[in-house]
Amino acid sequence: MPIKKFRISVDGKPYNVVVEAIDDQGAPIAVAPVMAAPVAVAAPVAAPAPAPVAAAAGPAAGDQLSPLNGVLVRVDVAMGQQVNDGDPIATIEAMKMKTTAFAKGSGKVTRILVKAGDPLEQGQPLLTLG
């Protein structure tokens, strides 16, 4: 059986290797060196650094926060709508289960900060009641 040459990469370093054939019992048919010297390749170009993000100030007064990590299914209120403490304000999906976020306080919806499909983190503002 023939000896085959391959190029493989281990931890980002490419190597030329020679693979020997074996018989049905696993005994080598030919003996060949297993690994050759590393092949020189160009160094990867670093990705540009992301633009600095302004430090997040905590939630503002009236912000209604996500109770868990997940994906926003829908906002259950509209701009200008009057909301009472305990009213449903949003539906969030996490691990294939839908959870309702409820208002913590009363007021009129003055800002909606998310849209359907947005990924959410626990404590992230969803909307603001004024």
C-alpha atoms as a PDB file:
ATOM      1  CA  MET A   1       0.000   0.000   0.000  1.00  0.00           C
ATOM      2  CA  PRO A   2       1.330   3.484  -0.813  1.00  0.00           C
ATOM      3  CA  ILE A   3       2.633   6.130   1.519  1.00  0.00           C
ATOM      4  CA  LYS A   4       0.615   9.372   1.406  1.00  0.00           C
ATOM      5  CA  LYS A   5       1.800  12.910   2.135  1.00  0.00           C
ATOM      6  CA  PHE A   6      -0.514  15.409   3.849  1.00  0.00           C
ATOM      7  CA  ARG A   7      -0.298  18.925   5.263  1.00  0.00           C
ATOM      8  CA  ILE A   8      -2.007  19.327   8.656  1.00  0.00           C
ATOM      9  CA  SER A   9      -2.304  22.188  11.128  1.00  0.00           C
ATOM     10  CA  VAL A  10      -1.780  21.791  14.878  1.00  0.00           C
ATOM     11  CA  ASP A  11      -2.462  24.820  17.074  1.00  0.00           C
ATOM     12  CA  GLY A  12      -2.251  27.008  13.991  1.00  0.00           C
ATOM     13  CA  LYS A  13       1.156  25.648  12.904  1.00  0.00           C
ATOM     14  CA  PRO A  14       1.166  23.770   9.578  1.00  0.00           C
ATOM     15  CA  TYR A  15       3.143  20.500   9.271  1.00  0.00           C
ATOM     16  CA  ASN A  16       3.882  18.209   6.336  1.00  0.00           C
ATOM     17  CA  VAL A  17       3.286  14.590   7.365  1.00  0.00           C
ATOM     18  CA  VAL A  18       3.781  11.216   5.757  1.00  0.00           C
ATOM     19  CA  VAL A  19       1.194   8.547   6.530  1.00  0.00           C
ATOM     20  CA  GLU A  20       2.058   4.905   6.150  1.00  0.00           C
ATOM     21  CA  ALA A  21      -0.330   2.152   5.154  1.00  0.00           C
ATOM     22  CA  ILE A  22      -1.121  -0.740   7.516  1.00  0.00           C
ATOM     23  CA  ASP A  23      -2.346  -4.247   6.838  1.00  0.00           C
ATOM     24  CA  ASP A  24      -5.655  -5.719   8.073  1.00  0.00           C
ATOM     25  CA  GLN A  25      -4.112  -6.551  11.462  1.00  0.00           C
ATOM     26  CA  GLY A  26      -2.818  -2.994  11.990  1.00  0.00           C
ATOM     27  CA  ALA A  27       0.849  -3.832  11.373  1.00  0.00           C
ATOM     28  CA  PRO A  28       2.803  -1.259   9.358  1.00  0.00           C
ATOM     29  CA  ILE A  29       3.505  -2.167   5.773  1.00  0.00           C
ATOM     30  CA  ALA A  30       6.124   0.528   5.334  1.00  0.00           C
ATOM     31  CA  VAL A  31       8.139   2.594   7.789  1.00  0.00           C
ATOM     32  CA  ALA A  32       8.340   6.316   7.118  1.00  0.00           C
ATOM     33  CA  PRO A  33       8.978   9.439   9.200  1.00  0.00           C
ATOM     34  CA  VAL A  34       5.744  10.687  10.690  1.00  0.00           C
ATOM     35  CA  MET A  35       6.395  14.409  10.830  1.00  0.00           C
ATOM     36  CA  ALA A  36       8.502  16.779   8.756  1.00  0.00           C
ATOM     37  CA  ALA A  37       9.718  20.233   9.723  1.00  0.00           C
ATOM     38  CA  PRO A  38       7.084  22.953  10.165  1.00  0.00           C
ATOM     39  CA  VAL A  39       6.162  24.884   7.035  1.00  0.00           C
ATOM     40  CA  ALA A  40       6.626  28.652   7.219  1.00  0.00           C
ATOM     41  CA  VAL A  41       3.408  30.639   6.730  1.00  0.00           C
ATOM     42  CA  ALA A  42       2.597  34.319   6.928  1.00  0.00           C
ATOM     43  CA  ALA A  43       1.498  35.551  10.335  1.00  0.00           C
ATOM     44  CA  PRO A  44      -2.242  36.220  10.577  1.00  0.00           C
ATOM     45  CA  VAL A  45      -3.267  39.848  10.374  1.00  0.00           C
ATOM     46  CA  ALA A  46      -4.880  41.095  13.577  1.00  0.00           C
ATOM     47  CA  ALA A  47      -8.472  42.279  13.288  1.00  0.00           C
ATOM     48  CA  PRO A  48      -8.962  45.989  13.906  1.00  0.00           C
ATOM     49  CA  ALA A  49      -9.726  46.832  17.504  1.00  0.00           C
ATOM     50  CA  PRO A  50     -13.402  47.516  18.159  1.00  0.00           C
ATOM     51  CA  ALA A  51     -14.404  51.102  18.808  1.00  0.00           C
ATOM     52  CA  PRO A  52     -14.528  51.927  22.526  1.00  0.00           C
ATOM     53  CA  VAL A  53     -17.975  51.697  24.033  1.00  0.00           C
ATOM     54  CA  ALA A  54     -19.108  54.324  26.491  1.00  0.00           C
ATOM     55  CA  ALA A  55     -19.385  52.973  30.006  1.00  0.00           C
ATOM     56  CA  ALA A  56     -22.934  51.998  30.734  1.00  0.00           C
ATOM     57  CA  ALA A  57     -24.461  54.116  33.444  1.00  0.00           C
ATOM     58  CA  GLY A  58     -26.943  52.058  35.469  1.00  0.00           C
ATOM     59  CA  PRO A  59     -30.617  51.888  34.616  1.00  0.00           C
ATOM     60  CA  ALA A  60     -32.467  55.210  34.587  1.00  0.00           C
ATOM     61  CA  ALA A  61     -35.475  55.924  36.770  1.00  0.00           C
ATOM     62  CA  GLY A  62     -38.515  54.226  35.290  1.00  0.00           C
ATOM     63  CA  ASP A  63     -36.511  51.705  33.248  1.00  0.00           C
ATOM     64  CA  GLN A  64     -38.156  48.314  33.115  1.00  0.00           C
ATOM     65  CA  LEU A  65     -35.477  45.602  33.123  1.00  0.00           C
ATOM     66  CA  SER A  66     -35.308  42.160  31.559  1.00  0.00           C
ATOM     67  CA  PRO A  67     -35.791  39.524  34.261  1.00  0.00           C
ATOM     68  CA  LEU A  68     -33.544  37.003  32.438  1.00  0.00           C
ATOM     69  CA  ASN A  69     -31.220  36.318  29.493  1.00  0.00           C
ATOM     70  CA  GLY A  70     -33.052  35.394  26.311  1.00  0.00           C
ATOM     71  CA  VAL A  71     -34.464  36.711  23.050  1.00  0.00           C
ATOM     72  CA  LEU A  72     -37.242  39.278  22.901  1.00  0.00           C
ATOM     73  CA  VAL A  73     -40.337  37.772  21.289  1.00  0.00           C
ATOM     74  CA  ARG A  74     -42.412  40.947  21.439  1.00  0.00           C
ATOM     75  CA  VAL A  75     -43.027  44.173  23.339  1.00  0.00           C
ATOM     76  CA  ASP A  76     -46.553  43.945  24.762  1.00  0.00           C
ATOM     77  CA  VAL A  77     -47.087  47.713  25.171  1.00  0.00           C
ATOM     78  CA  ALA A  78     -46.978  50.739  22.844  1.00  0.00           C
ATOM     79  CA  MET A  79     -45.402  54.193  23.071  1.00  0.00           C
ATOM     80  CA  GLY A  80     -47.572  56.490  25.165  1.00  0.00           C
ATOM     81  CA  GLN A  81     -49.585  53.623  26.691  1.00  0.00           C
ATOM     82  CA  GLN A  82     -50.455  53.876  30.387  1.00  0.00           C
ATOM     83  CA  VAL A  83     -49.055  50.884  32.293  1.00  0.00           C
ATOM     84  CA  ASN A  84     -49.880  49.845  35.851  1.00  0.00           C
ATOM     85  CA  ASP A  85     -47.679  47.955  38.297  1.00  0.00           C
ATOM     86  CA  GLY A  86     -47.827  44.223  37.394  1.00  0.00           C
ATOM     87  CA  ASP A  87     -49.056  44.685  33.799  1.00  0.00           C
ATOM     88  CA  PRO A  88     -47.310  42.491  31.183  1.00  0.00           C
ATOM     89  CA  ILE A  89     -44.831  44.583  29.187  1.00  0.00           C
ATOM     90  CA  ALA A  90     -42.799  42.069  27.128  1.00  0.00           C
ATOM     91  CA  THR A  91     -42.463  38.407  26.197  1.00  0.00           C
ATOM     92  CA  ILE A  92     -39.005  36.835  26.322  1.00  0.00           C
ATOM     93  CA  GLU A  93     -37.943  33.404  25.123  1.00  0.00           C
ATOM     94  CA  ALA A  94     -35.188  31.519  26.932  1.00  0.00           C
ATOM     95  CA  MET A  95     -34.376  27.852  26.380  1.00  0.00           C
ATOM     96  CA  LYS A  96     -37.509  27.404  24.235  1.00  0.00           C
ATOM     97  CA  MET A  97     -39.768  28.696  27.036  1.00  0.00           C
ATOM     98  CA  LYS A  98     -41.609  32.012  26.912  1.00  0.00           C
ATOM     99  CA  THR A  99     -41.597  34.243  29.975  1.00  0.00           C
ATOM    100  CA  THR A 100     -43.600  37.407  30.542  1.00  0.00           C
ATOM    101  CA  ALA A 101     -41.874  40.483  31.960  1.00  0.00           C
ATOM    102  CA  PHE A 102     -44.154  42.536  34.209  1.00  0.00           C
ATOM    103  CA  ALA A 103     -44.045  46.265  34.978  1.00  0.00           C
ATOM    104  CA  LYS A 104     -42.391  47.281  38.236  1.00  0.00           C
ATOM    105  CA  GLY A 105     -44.311  50.476  38.811  1.00  0.00           C
ATOM    106  CA  SER A 106     -46.847  52.563  36.937  1.00  0.00           C
ATOM    107  CA  GLY A 107     -46.529  55.233  34.274  1.00  0.00           C
ATOM    108  CA  LYS A 108     -46.731  56.062  30.605  1.00  0.00           C
ATOM    109  CA  VAL A 109     -44.373  54.325  28.149  1.00  0.00           C
ATOM    110  CA  THR A 110     -41.902  57.047  27.110  1.00  0.00           C
ATOM    111  CA  ARG A 111     -39.184  54.918  25.448  1.00  0.00           C
ATOM    112  CA  ILE A 112     -39.031  51.430  23.973  1.00  0.00           C
ATOM    113  CA  LEU A 113     -35.389  50.340  23.873  1.00  0.00           C
ATOM    114  CA  VAL A 114     -35.666  46.891  22.234  1.00  0.00           C
ATOM    115  CA  LYS A 115     -37.369  45.176  19.301  1.00  0.00           C
ATOM    116  CA  ALA A 116     -38.487  41.620  18.537  1.00  0.00           C
ATOM    117  CA  GLY A 117     -35.533  39.324  17.895  1.00  0.00           C
ATOM    118  CA  ASP A 118     -33.067  41.277  20.044  1.00  0.00           C
ATOM    119  CA  PRO A 119     -30.864  39.188  22.369  1.00  0.00           C
ATOM    120  CA  LEU A 120     -31.332  40.278  25.985  1.00  0.00           C
ATOM    121  CA  GLU A 121     -29.237  40.084  29.113  1.00  0.00           C
ATOM    122  CA  GLN A 122     -30.721  39.957  32.593  1.00  0.00           C
ATOM    123  CA  GLY A 123     -31.059  43.497  33.921  1.00  0.00           C
ATOM    124  CA  GLN A 124     -31.002  45.103  30.459  1.00  0.00           C
ATOM    125  CA  PRO A 125     -33.519  47.974  30.114  1.00  0.00           C
ATOM    126  CA  LEU A 126     -36.499  47.074  27.899  1.00  0.00           C
ATOM    127  CA  LEU A 127     -38.494  50.275  28.091  1.00  0.00           C
ATOM    128  CA  THR A 128     -38.985  53.339  30.241  1.00  0.00           C
ATOM    129  CA  LEU A 129     -42.069  54.429  32.146  1.00  0.00           C
ATOM    130  CA  GLY A 130     -42.365  58.140  32.849  1.00  0.00           C
END
